[in-house]
């Protein structure tokens, strides 16, 4: 991972309207980096300016014309509110967004953020971020410099432990969404080929959960617990994966549903909690098993 930052002299000189440039070379494909950059579940993991801060997302709609609103609580200080407006998104390549920071309702800065992703081949990609900043309060330029540098360092690590699986299903999005969010149907198809599900309790809504066992063809039982944090009807859902009921978290996950011409593209992504868990999952074929699960979904709704 490498970093390049220009215009540091302008920041040191107190320029209120600097242009900041950051680059990262990341050990993840461009398609995975794009998901880490734009998916709300992933952004919630890396967007904080420091490990001690947890960003709370109030709104998240990553599409042109959509917006994102988050709070950044810092102990002993007023919460910082960040309002992002997505202006353009070219999947896998480029995004442009506005950003407004407020403290107790008073604007502190405004910025135009452009991100460009380049595929370097294999499992490597490059992210270049340009921030055109208008600092309305003291020291905002220096704060942006530190905050973006820290956030992008974290993003690089998040992208490197992110898995993304995608399946085109020849069925309307409403049908695919219904199969995923109906408590009667989800357990019937969830899991890789040959696996079955035994449900303890299921409540498929924002704030709900699914506690269940996945049972392998050889009878091995794998306890699971999904906690749902987001349900955006027929568009996106987000959840955390726990090792068994109320066990330790091992991933933040999301699924998106995009329809064109009656055909739905389902994207399933997950950020593993540690690099070791990512490597372990990759080692036992988690990507292939995830693709099998999406294949079962397609067969369940008769869209093979």
C-alpha atoms as a PDB file:
ATOM      1  CA  UNK A   1       0.000   0.000   0.000  1.00  0.00           C
ATOM      2  CA  UNK A   2       1.422   3.403  -0.966  1.00  0.00           C
ATOM      3  CA  UNK A   3       0.331   6.965  -0.286  1.00  0.00           C
ATOM      4  CA  UNK A   4       0.948  10.179  -2.218  1.00  0.00           C
ATOM      5  CA  UNK A   5      -0.286  13.528  -0.930  1.00  0.00           C
ATOM      6  CA  UNK A   6       0.098  16.823  -2.804  1.00  0.00           C
ATOM      7  CA  UNK A   7      -0.485  20.445  -1.774  1.00  0.00           C
ATOM      8  CA  UNK A   8       0.742  19.937   1.799  1.00  0.00           C
ATOM      9  CA  UNK A   9       2.488  23.325   1.564  1.00  0.00           C
ATOM     10  CA  UNK A  10      -0.838  25.053   0.870  1.00  0.00           C
ATOM     11  CA  UNK A  11      -2.353  23.411   3.949  1.00  0.00           C
ATOM     12  CA  UNK A  12       0.576  24.437   6.143  1.00  0.00           C
ATOM     13  CA  UNK A  13       0.223  27.996   4.863  1.00  0.00           C
ATOM     14  CA  UNK A  14      -3.393  28.075   6.036  1.00  0.00           C
ATOM     15  CA  UNK A  15      -5.015  28.007   2.591  1.00  0.00           C
ATOM     16  CA  UNK A  16      -8.787  27.818   3.068  1.00  0.00           C
ATOM     17  CA  UNK A  17      -9.380  26.411  -0.433  1.00  0.00           C
ATOM     18  CA  UNK A  18      -6.796  23.657  -0.944  1.00  0.00           C
ATOM     19  CA  UNK A  19      -6.972  20.680  -3.270  1.00  0.00           C
ATOM     20  CA  UNK A  20      -5.900  17.479  -1.528  1.00  0.00           C
ATOM     21  CA  UNK A  21      -4.846  14.395  -3.459  1.00  0.00           C
ATOM     22  CA  UNK A  22      -4.478  10.913  -2.031  1.00  0.00           C
ATOM     23  CA  UNK A  23      -3.557   7.636  -3.723  1.00  0.00           C
ATOM     24  CA  UNK A  24      -3.528   4.044  -2.546  1.00  0.00           C
ATOM     25  CA  UNK A  25      -2.429   0.849  -4.247  1.00  0.00           C
ATOM     26  CA  UNK A  26      -4.551  -1.898  -2.748  1.00  0.00           C
ATOM     27  CA  UNK A  27      -4.310  -5.690  -2.773  1.00  0.00           C
ATOM     28  CA  UNK A  28      -7.885  -6.185  -3.997  1.00  0.00           C
ATOM     29  CA  UNK A  29      -9.504  -6.259  -7.449  1.00  0.00           C
ATOM     30  CA  UNK A  30     -11.092  -3.048  -8.707  1.00  0.00           C
ATOM     31  CA  UNK A  31     -14.584  -4.586  -8.437  1.00  0.00           C
ATOM     32  CA  UNK A  32     -14.016  -5.371  -4.760  1.00  0.00           C
ATOM     33  CA  UNK A  33     -12.501  -1.963  -4.058  1.00  0.00           C
ATOM     34  CA  UNK A  34     -15.560  -0.319  -5.613  1.00  0.00           C
ATOM     35  CA  UNK A  35     -17.860  -2.214  -3.262  1.00  0.00           C
ATOM     36  CA  UNK A  36     -15.702  -1.285  -0.267  1.00  0.00           C
ATOM     37  CA  UNK A  37     -15.759   2.372  -1.364  1.00  0.00           C
ATOM     38  CA  UNK A  38     -19.521   2.650  -1.973  1.00  0.00           C
ATOM     39  CA  UNK A  39     -21.435  -0.037  -0.007  1.00  0.00           C
ATOM     40  CA  UNK A  40     -22.875   1.506   3.183  1.00  0.00           C
ATOM     41  CA  UNK A  41     -22.053  -1.576   5.285  1.00  0.00           C
ATOM     42  CA  UNK A  42     -18.399  -1.315   4.261  1.00  0.00           C
ATOM     43  CA  UNK A  43     -18.258   2.490   4.563  1.00  0.00           C
ATOM     44  CA  UNK A  44     -19.487   2.208   8.145  1.00  0.00           C
ATOM     45  CA  UNK A  45     -16.424   0.058   8.907  1.00  0.00           C
ATOM     46  CA  UNK A  46     -13.716   2.332   7.437  1.00  0.00           C
ATOM     47  CA  UNK A  47     -15.143   5.873   7.400  1.00  0.00           C
ATOM     48  CA  UNK A  48     -14.169   6.821  10.963  1.00  0.00           C
ATOM     49  CA  UNK A  49     -11.195   9.194  11.262  1.00  0.00           C
ATOM     50  CA  UNK A  50      -9.653   7.084  14.043  1.00  0.00           C
ATOM     51  CA  UNK A  51     -10.123   3.589  15.558  1.00  0.00           C
ATOM     52  CA  UNK A  52     -11.688   5.104  18.684  1.00  0.00           C
ATOM     53  CA  UNK A  53     -14.567   6.624  16.711  1.00  0.00           C
ATOM     54  CA  UNK A  54     -17.598   4.730  15.383  1.00  0.00           C
ATOM     55  CA  UNK A  55     -19.548   6.450  12.619  1.00  0.00           C
ATOM     56  CA  UNK A  56     -23.343   6.149  12.795  1.00  0.00           C
ATOM     57  CA  UNK A  57     -25.172   6.217   9.459  1.00  0.00           C
ATOM     58  CA  UNK A  58     -28.600   7.871   9.513  1.00  0.00           C
ATOM     59  CA  UNK A  59     -29.192   7.644   5.747  1.00  0.00           C
ATOM     60  CA  UNK A  60     -27.362   5.814   2.974  1.00  0.00           C
ATOM     61  CA  UNK A  61     -28.364   5.782  -0.689  1.00  0.00           C
ATOM     62  CA  UNK A  62     -25.282   5.276  -2.913  1.00  0.00           C
ATOM     63  CA  UNK A  63     -26.651   6.192  -6.314  1.00  0.00           C
ATOM     64  CA  UNK A  64     -26.571   9.349  -8.411  1.00  0.00           C
ATOM     65  CA  UNK A  65     -28.930  11.790  -6.735  1.00  0.00           C
ATOM     66  CA  UNK A  66     -28.877   9.848  -3.461  1.00  0.00           C
ATOM     67  CA  UNK A  67     -27.410  11.046  -0.207  1.00  0.00           C
ATOM     68  CA  UNK A  68     -25.654   9.785   2.879  1.00  0.00           C
ATOM     69  CA  UNK A  69     -25.938  11.308   6.357  1.00  0.00           C
ATOM     70  CA  UNK A  70     -23.733  10.222   9.236  1.00  0.00           C
ATOM     71  CA  UNK A  71     -22.753  11.299  12.739  1.00  0.00           C
ATOM     72  CA  UNK A  72     -19.200  11.131  14.026  1.00  0.00           C
ATOM     73  CA  UNK A  73     -19.278  11.205  17.841  1.00  0.00           C
ATOM     74  CA  UNK A  74     -16.041  12.186  19.604  1.00  0.00           C
ATOM     75  CA  UNK A  75     -15.846  11.967  23.392  1.00  0.00           C
ATOM     76  CA  UNK A  76     -16.069  15.372  25.039  1.00  0.00           C
ATOM     77  CA  UNK A  77     -16.900  17.176  21.794  1.00  0.00           C
ATOM     78  CA  UNK A  78     -20.104  17.974  19.874  1.00  0.00           C
ATOM     79  CA  UNK A  79     -21.024  15.405  17.238  1.00  0.00           C
ATOM     80  CA  UNK A  80     -19.882  16.128  13.701  1.00  0.00           C
ATOM     81  CA  UNK A  81     -22.593  15.619  11.073  1.00  0.00           C
ATOM     82  CA  UNK A  82     -21.521  14.704   7.558  1.00  0.00           C
ATOM     83  CA  UNK A  83     -23.921  15.115   4.633  1.00  0.00           C
ATOM     84  CA  UNK A  84     -22.832  13.480   1.382  1.00  0.00           C
ATOM     85  CA  UNK A  85     -24.589  13.985  -1.934  1.00  0.00           C
ATOM     86  CA  UNK A  86     -23.742  11.411  -4.601  1.00  0.00           C
ATOM     87  CA  UNK A  87     -23.434  13.291  -7.903  1.00  0.00           C
ATOM     88  CA  UNK A  88     -22.087  10.599 -10.246  1.00  0.00           C
ATOM     89  CA  UNK A  89     -21.227   6.904  -9.951  1.00  0.00           C
ATOM     90  CA  UNK A  90     -19.582   4.866 -12.704  1.00  0.00           C
ATOM     91  CA  UNK A  91     -19.418   1.384 -11.164  1.00  0.00           C
ATOM     92  CA  UNK A  92     -15.897   0.078 -10.774  1.00  0.00           C
ATOM     93  CA  UNK A  93     -14.344   3.291 -12.109  1.00  0.00           C
ATOM     94  CA  UNK A  94     -15.318   6.663 -10.677  1.00  0.00           C
ATOM     95  CA  UNK A  95     -17.517   8.493  -8.202  1.00  0.00           C
ATOM     96  CA  UNK A  96     -18.137  12.164  -7.458  1.00  0.00           C
ATOM     97  CA  UNK A  97     -19.817  13.450  -4.321  1.00  0.00           C
ATOM     98  CA  UNK A  98     -20.318  16.633  -2.394  1.00  0.00           C
ATOM     99  CA  UNK A  99     -19.599  16.680   1.326  1.00  0.00           C
ATOM    100  CA  UNK A 100     -20.754  19.115   3.996  1.00  0.00           C
ATOM    101  CA  UNK A 101     -19.506  18.946   7.598  1.00  0.00           C
ATOM    102  CA  UNK A 102     -21.548  20.580  10.344  1.00  0.00           C
ATOM    103  CA  UNK A 103     -21.006  21.004  14.084  1.00  0.00           C
ATOM    104  CA  UNK A 104     -24.115  21.783  16.130  1.00  0.00           C
ATOM    105  CA  UNK A 105     -25.830  22.759  12.889  1.00  0.00           C
ATOM    106  CA  UNK A 106     -23.115  25.208  11.828  1.00  0.00           C
ATOM    107  CA  UNK A 107     -21.293  24.389   8.536  1.00  0.00           C
ATOM    108  CA  UNK A 108     -17.564  23.838   9.041  1.00  0.00           C
ATOM    109  CA  UNK A 109     -16.515  22.916   5.516  1.00  0.00           C
ATOM    110  CA  UNK A 110     -17.761  21.963   2.081  1.00  0.00           C
ATOM    111  CA  UNK A 111     -15.933  19.752  -0.386  1.00  0.00           C
ATOM    112  CA  UNK A 112     -16.156  18.076  -3.757  1.00  0.00           C
ATOM    113  CA  UNK A 113     -14.701  14.563  -3.619  1.00  0.00           C
ATOM    114  CA  UNK A 114     -13.714  12.670  -6.780  1.00  0.00           C
ATOM    115  CA  UNK A 115     -12.576   9.056  -6.553  1.00  0.00           C
ATOM    116  CA  UNK A 116     -11.058   7.164  -9.472  1.00  0.00           C
ATOM    117  CA  UNK A 117     -10.310   3.434  -9.448  1.00  0.00           C
ATOM    118  CA  UNK A 118      -7.809   1.807 -11.807  1.00  0.00           C
ATOM    119  CA  UNK A 119      -7.490  -1.935 -12.368  1.00  0.00           C
ATOM    120  CA  UNK A 120      -3.818  -2.883 -12.055  1.00  0.00           C
ATOM    121  CA  UNK A 121      -4.451  -6.496 -13.012  1.00  0.00           C
ATOM    122  CA  UNK A 122      -4.862  -9.615 -10.926  1.00  0.00           C
ATOM    123  CA  UNK A 123      -5.782  -8.737  -7.370  1.00  0.00           C
ATOM    124  CA  UNK A 124      -4.408  -5.180  -7.359  1.00  0.00           C
ATOM    125  CA  UNK A 125      -6.032  -1.820  -7.955  1.00  0.00           C
ATOM    126  CA  UNK A 126      -5.367   1.859  -7.380  1.00  0.00           C
ATOM    127  CA  UNK A 127      -7.607   4.444  -5.729  1.00  0.00           C
ATOM    128  CA  UNK A 128      -6.984   8.136  -6.406  1.00  0.00           C
ATOM    129  CA  UNK A 129      -9.051  10.619  -4.383  1.00  0.00           C
ATOM    130  CA  UNK A 130      -9.147  14.361  -5.021  1.00  0.00           C
ATOM    131  CA  UNK A 131     -10.737  16.635  -2.413  1.00  0.00           C
ATOM    132  CA  UNK A 132     -11.502  20.218  -3.426  1.00  0.00           C
ATOM    133  CA  UNK A 133     -12.110  21.845  -0.069  1.00  0.00           C
ATOM    134  CA  UNK A 134     -13.682  25.085   1.114  1.00  0.00           C
ATOM    135  CA  UNK A 135     -12.738  25.434   4.785  1.00  0.00           C
ATOM    136  CA  UNK A 136     -15.249  27.580   6.658  1.00  0.00           C
ATOM    137  CA  UNK A 137     -13.720  27.037  10.106  1.00  0.00           C
ATOM    138  CA  UNK A 138     -10.176  27.123  11.478  1.00  0.00           C
ATOM    139  CA  UNK A 139      -7.883  24.137  10.860  1.00  0.00           C
ATOM    140  CA  UNK A 140     -10.404  22.265   8.691  1.00  0.00           C
ATOM    141  CA  UNK A 141      -7.825  21.719   5.926  1.00  0.00           C
ATOM    142  CA  UNK A 142      -5.394  20.068   8.324  1.00  0.00           C
ATOM    143  CA  UNK A 143      -8.238  18.021   9.785  1.00  0.00           C
ATOM    144  CA  UNK A 144      -9.289  16.843   6.323  1.00  0.00           C
ATOM    145  CA  UNK A 145      -5.727  15.874   5.567  1.00  0.00           C
ATOM    146  CA  UNK A 146      -5.463  13.743   8.714  1.00  0.00           C
ATOM    147  CA  UNK A 147      -9.003  12.357   8.479  1.00  0.00           C
ATOM    148  CA  UNK A 148      -8.832  11.301   4.836  1.00  0.00           C
ATOM    149  CA  UNK A 149      -5.367   9.815   5.273  1.00  0.00           C
ATOM    150  CA  UNK A 150      -6.530   7.719   8.239  1.00  0.00           C
ATOM    151  CA  UNK A 151      -9.814   6.748   6.610  1.00  0.00           C
ATOM    152  CA  UNK A 152      -8.165   5.647   3.371  1.00  0.00           C
ATOM    153  CA  UNK A 153      -5.554   3.655   5.290  1.00  0.00           C
ATOM    154  CA  UNK A 154      -8.451   1.817   6.927  1.00  0.00           C
ATOM    155  CA  UNK A 155     -10.278   1.480   3.590  1.00  0.00           C
ATOM    156  CA  UNK A 156      -7.235  -0.234   2.101  1.00  0.00           C
ATOM    157  CA  UNK A 157      -7.222  -2.798   4.908  1.00  0.00           C
ATOM    158  CA  UNK A 158     -10.998  -3.264   4.640  1.00  0.00           C
ATOM    159  CA  UNK A 159     -10.872  -3.828   0.869  1.00  0.00           C
ATOM    160  CA  UNK A 160      -8.159  -6.435   1.350  1.00  0.00           C
ATOM    161  CA  UNK A 161     -10.461  -8.486   3.592  1.00  0.00           C
ATOM    162  CA  UNK A 162     -13.623  -8.021   1.521  1.00  0.00           C
ATOM    163  CA  UNK A 163     -15.267 -10.721  -0.595  1.00  0.00           C
ATOM    164  CA  UNK A 164     -17.784  -9.991  -3.346  1.00  0.00           C
ATOM    165  CA  UNK A 165     -19.948 -12.477  -5.219  1.00  0.00           C
ATOM    166  CA  UNK A 166     -22.368 -11.648  -8.010  1.00  0.00           C
ATOM    167  CA  UNK A 167     -25.082 -13.533  -9.878  1.00  0.00           C
ATOM    168  CA  UNK A 168     -27.365 -12.475 -12.713  1.00  0.00           C
ATOM    169  CA  UNK A 169     -30.832 -13.920 -12.128  1.00  0.00           C
ATOM    170  CA  UNK A 170     -33.355 -13.855 -14.941  1.00  0.00           C
ATOM    171  CA  UNK A 171     -36.256 -12.732 -12.803  1.00  0.00           C
ATOM    172  CA  UNK A 172     -37.745  -9.405 -11.668  1.00  0.00           C
ATOM    173  CA  UNK A 173     -36.190  -7.818  -8.614  1.00  0.00           C
ATOM    174  CA  UNK A 174     -39.451  -8.012  -6.643  1.00  0.00           C
ATOM    175  CA  UNK A 175     -39.440 -11.806  -6.954  1.00  0.00           C
ATOM    176  CA  UNK A 176     -35.788 -12.129  -5.928  1.00  0.00           C
ATOM    177  CA  UNK A 177     -36.263  -9.760  -2.985  1.00  0.00           C
ATOM    178  CA  UNK A 178     -39.336 -11.674  -1.801  1.00  0.00           C
ATOM    179  CA  UNK A 179     -37.464 -14.988  -1.804  1.00  0.00           C
ATOM    180  CA  UNK A 180     -34.669 -13.398   0.284  1.00  0.00           C
ATOM    181  CA  UNK A 181     -36.850 -11.593   2.837  1.00  0.00           C
ATOM    182  CA  UNK A 182     -39.738 -14.013   3.424  1.00  0.00           C
ATOM    183  CA  UNK A 183     -39.126 -16.075   6.612  1.00  0.00           C
ATOM    184  CA  UNK A 184     -40.879 -19.012   4.965  1.00  0.00           C
ATOM    185  CA  UNK A 185     -38.612 -19.085   1.895  1.00  0.00           C
ATOM    186  CA  UNK A 186     -35.136 -17.878   2.954  1.00  0.00           C
ATOM    187  CA  UNK A 187     -34.295 -21.078   4.918  1.00  0.00           C
ATOM    188  CA  UNK A 188     -35.354 -23.216   1.954  1.00  0.00           C
ATOM    189  CA  UNK A 189     -32.528 -22.059  -0.332  1.00  0.00           C
ATOM    190  CA  UNK A 190     -29.876 -20.457   1.872  1.00  0.00           C
ATOM    191  CA  UNK A 191     -26.464 -22.131   1.925  1.00  0.00           C
ATOM    192  CA  UNK A 192     -24.161 -23.959  -0.507  1.00  0.00           C
ATOM    193  CA  UNK A 193     -25.131 -27.041  -2.483  1.00  0.00           C
ATOM    194  CA  UNK A 194     -26.098 -29.922  -0.243  1.00  0.00           C
ATOM    195  CA  UNK A 195     -26.534 -27.783   2.893  1.00  0.00           C
ATOM    196  CA  UNK A 196     -29.813 -27.288   4.739  1.00  0.00           C
ATOM    197  CA  UNK A 197     -30.969 -24.817   7.401  1.00  0.00           C
ATOM    198  CA  UNK A 198     -32.593 -25.452  10.771  1.00  0.00           C
ATOM    199  CA  UNK A 199     -34.131 -22.243  12.151  1.00  0.00           C
ATOM    200  CA  UNK A 200     -34.373 -21.382  15.831  1.00  0.00           C
ATOM    201  CA  UNK A 201     -35.973 -17.969  15.289  1.00  0.00           C
ATOM    202  CA  UNK A 202     -36.288 -15.623  12.345  1.00  0.00           C
ATOM    203  CA  UNK A 203     -37.387 -11.985  12.066  1.00  0.00           C
ATOM    204  CA  UNK A 204     -36.423 -10.479   8.714  1.00  0.00           C
ATOM    205  CA  UNK A 205     -36.634  -6.715   9.268  1.00  0.00           C
ATOM    206  CA  UNK A 206     -34.332  -3.867  10.239  1.00  0.00           C
ATOM    207  CA  UNK A 207     -33.394  -4.636  13.823  1.00  0.00           C
ATOM    208  CA  UNK A 208     -34.399  -8.279  13.383  1.00  0.00           C
ATOM    209  CA  UNK A 209     -32.351 -11.461  13.378  1.00  0.00           C
ATOM    210  CA  UNK A 210     -32.072 -15.016  12.122  1.00  0.00           C
ATOM    211  CA  UNK A 211     -30.662 -17.651  14.467  1.00  0.00           C
ATOM    212  CA  UNK A 212     -30.125 -20.956  12.679  1.00  0.00           C
ATOM    213  CA  UNK A 213     -27.892 -23.942  12.063  1.00  0.00           C
ATOM    214  CA  UNK A 214     -26.427 -24.739   8.686  1.00  0.00           C
ATOM    215  CA  UNK A 215     -26.140 -28.489   8.283  1.00  0.00           C
ATOM    216  CA  UNK A 216     -23.535 -29.880   5.902  1.00  0.00           C
ATOM    217  CA  UNK A 217     -24.117 -32.979   3.752  1.00  0.00           C
ATOM    218  CA  UNK A 218     -22.046 -35.011   6.228  1.00  0.00           C
ATOM    219  CA  UNK A 219     -24.213 -33.846   9.145  1.00  0.00           C
ATOM    220  CA  UNK A 220     -21.760 -31.271  10.537  1.00  0.00           C
ATOM    221  CA  UNK A 221     -23.653 -28.430  12.236  1.00  0.00           C
ATOM    222  CA  UNK A 222     -22.522 -24.807  11.826  1.00  0.00           C
ATOM    223  CA  UNK A 223     -24.362 -22.424  14.225  1.00  0.00           C
ATOM    224  CA  UNK A 224     -25.159 -19.016  12.678  1.00  0.00           C
ATOM    225  CA  UNK A 225     -26.661 -15.747  13.807  1.00  0.00           C
ATOM    226  CA  UNK A 226     -27.500 -12.907  11.419  1.00  0.00           C
ATOM    227  CA  UNK A 227     -28.463  -9.486  12.797  1.00  0.00           C
ATOM    228  CA  UNK A 228     -30.152  -7.183  10.297  1.00  0.00           C
ATOM    229  CA  UNK A 229     -29.273  -3.501  10.411  1.00  0.00           C
ATOM    230  CA  UNK A 230     -30.805  -2.306   7.158  1.00  0.00           C
ATOM    231  CA  UNK A 231     -33.677  -3.297   4.888  1.00  0.00           C
ATOM    232  CA  UNK A 232     -34.168  -0.962   1.916  1.00  0.00           C
ATOM    233  CA  UNK A 233     -37.047  -2.609   0.073  1.00  0.00           C
ATOM    234  CA  UNK A 234     -36.055  -4.297  -3.199  1.00  0.00           C
ATOM    235  CA  UNK A 235     -32.716  -2.449  -3.188  1.00  0.00           C
ATOM    236  CA  UNK A 236     -30.378  -3.440  -0.383  1.00  0.00           C
ATOM    237  CA  UNK A 237     -30.076  -5.199   2.962  1.00  0.00           C
ATOM    238  CA  UNK A 238     -27.242  -5.205   5.459  1.00  0.00           C
ATOM    239  CA  UNK A 239     -26.478  -7.567   8.331  1.00  0.00           C
ATOM    240  CA  UNK A 240     -23.754  -8.816  10.645  1.00  0.00           C
ATOM    241  CA  UNK A 241     -22.677 -12.451  10.845  1.00  0.00           C
ATOM    242  CA  UNK A 242     -21.974 -13.972  14.265  1.00  0.00           C
ATOM    243  CA  UNK A 243     -20.365 -17.282  15.139  1.00  0.00           C
ATOM    244  CA  UNK A 244     -23.452 -18.861  16.693  1.00  0.00           C
ATOM    245  CA  UNK A 245     -26.152 -17.235  18.786  1.00  0.00           C
ATOM    246  CA  UNK A 246     -24.793 -14.003  20.310  1.00  0.00           C
ATOM    247  CA  UNK A 247     -21.296 -15.161  19.431  1.00  0.00           C
ATOM    248  CA  UNK A 248     -18.398 -13.039  18.205  1.00  0.00           C
ATOM    249  CA  UNK A 249     -18.894 -11.132  14.963  1.00  0.00           C
ATOM    250  CA  UNK A 250     -16.919 -12.423  12.024  1.00  0.00           C
ATOM    251  CA  UNK A 251     -18.227 -10.245   9.158  1.00  0.00           C
ATOM    252  CA  UNK A 252     -20.340  -7.290   8.075  1.00  0.00           C
ATOM    253  CA  UNK A 253     -22.369  -8.247   5.003  1.00  0.00           C
ATOM    254  CA  UNK A 254     -24.737  -6.743   2.460  1.00  0.00           C
ATOM    255  CA  UNK A 255     -26.756  -7.740  -0.573  1.00  0.00           C
ATOM    256  CA  UNK A 256     -27.882  -5.410  -3.357  1.00  0.00           C
ATOM    257  CA  UNK A 257     -30.496  -5.995  -6.032  1.00  0.00           C
ATOM    258  CA  UNK A 258     -30.256  -4.155  -9.364  1.00  0.00           C
ATOM    259  CA  UNK A 259     -32.826  -4.728 -12.108  1.00  0.00           C
ATOM    260  CA  UNK A 260     -32.612  -3.991 -15.824  1.00  0.00           C
ATOM    261  CA  UNK A 261     -35.073  -5.341 -18.355  1.00  0.00           C
ATOM    262  CA  UNK A 262     -36.625  -7.812 -15.944  1.00  0.00           C
ATOM    263  CA  UNK A 263     -33.221  -9.296 -15.051  1.00  0.00           C
ATOM    264  CA  UNK A 264     -31.772  -8.849 -11.550  1.00  0.00           C
ATOM    265  CA  UNK A 265     -28.099  -8.645 -10.642  1.00  0.00           C
ATOM    266  CA  UNK A 266     -27.546  -9.724  -7.058  1.00  0.00           C
ATOM    267  CA  UNK A 267     -24.316  -8.643  -5.379  1.00  0.00           C
ATOM    268  CA  UNK A 268     -23.378 -10.278  -2.081  1.00  0.00           C
ATOM    269  CA  UNK A 269     -20.478  -8.701  -0.199  1.00  0.00           C
ATOM    270  CA  UNK A 270     -18.858  -9.166   3.178  1.00  0.00           C
ATOM    271  CA  UNK A 271     -16.077  -7.517   5.130  1.00  0.00           C
ATOM    272  CA  UNK A 272     -14.431 -10.025   7.456  1.00  0.00           C
ATOM    273  CA  UNK A 273     -13.537  -8.741  10.900  1.00  0.00           C
ATOM    274  CA  UNK A 274      -9.868  -9.687  10.583  1.00  0.00           C
ATOM    275  CA  UNK A 275      -7.424 -10.526   7.823  1.00  0.00           C
ATOM    276  CA  UNK A 276      -6.981 -13.972   9.395  1.00  0.00           C
ATOM    277  CA  UNK A 277     -10.710 -14.706   9.090  1.00  0.00           C
ATOM    278  CA  UNK A 278     -10.653 -13.554   5.477  1.00  0.00           C
ATOM    279  CA  UNK A 279      -7.732 -15.865   4.705  1.00  0.00           C
ATOM    280  CA  UNK A 280      -9.416 -18.772   6.465  1.00  0.00           C
ATOM    281  CA  UNK A 281     -12.645 -18.217   4.521  1.00  0.00           C
ATOM    282  CA  UNK A 282     -10.760 -17.914   1.237  1.00  0.00           C
ATOM    283  CA  UNK A 283      -8.907 -21.104   2.092  1.00  0.00           C
ATOM    284  CA  UNK A 284     -12.064 -23.194   2.417  1.00  0.00           C
ATOM    285  CA  UNK A 285     -13.591 -21.756  -0.763  1.00  0.00           C
ATOM    286  CA  UNK A 286     -16.019 -19.155   0.607  1.00  0.00           C
ATOM    287  CA  UNK A 287     -16.363 -17.408  -2.756  1.00  0.00           C
ATOM    288  CA  UNK A 288     -17.343 -20.597  -4.552  1.00  0.00           C
ATOM    289  CA  UNK A 289     -19.702 -21.549  -1.707  1.00  0.00           C
ATOM    290  CA  UNK A 290     -21.304 -18.106  -1.855  1.00  0.00           C
ATOM    291  CA  UNK A 291     -21.808 -18.449  -5.599  1.00  0.00           C
ATOM    292  CA  UNK A 292     -23.427 -21.833  -4.987  1.00  0.00           C
ATOM    293  CA  UNK A 293     -25.816 -20.147  -2.537  1.00  0.00           C
ATOM    294  CA  UNK A 294     -26.811 -17.559  -5.155  1.00  0.00           C
ATOM    295  CA  UNK A 295     -27.239 -20.385  -7.638  1.00  0.00           C
ATOM    296  CA  UNK A 296     -29.649 -22.089  -5.249  1.00  0.00           C
ATOM    297  CA  UNK A 297     -31.599 -18.840  -5.011  1.00  0.00           C
ATOM    298  CA  UNK A 298     -31.883 -18.707  -8.802  1.00  0.00           C
ATOM    299  CA  UNK A 299     -33.072 -22.319  -8.964  1.00  0.00           C
ATOM    300  CA  UNK A 300     -35.531 -21.776  -6.101  1.00  0.00           C
ATOM    301  CA  UNK A 301     -37.358 -19.052  -8.010  1.00  0.00           C
ATOM    302  CA  UNK A 302     -37.111 -20.978 -11.278  1.00  0.00           C
ATOM    303  CA  UNK A 303     -34.687 -18.590 -12.943  1.00  0.00           C
ATOM    304  CA  UNK A 304     -31.765 -20.804 -13.874  1.00  0.00           C
END
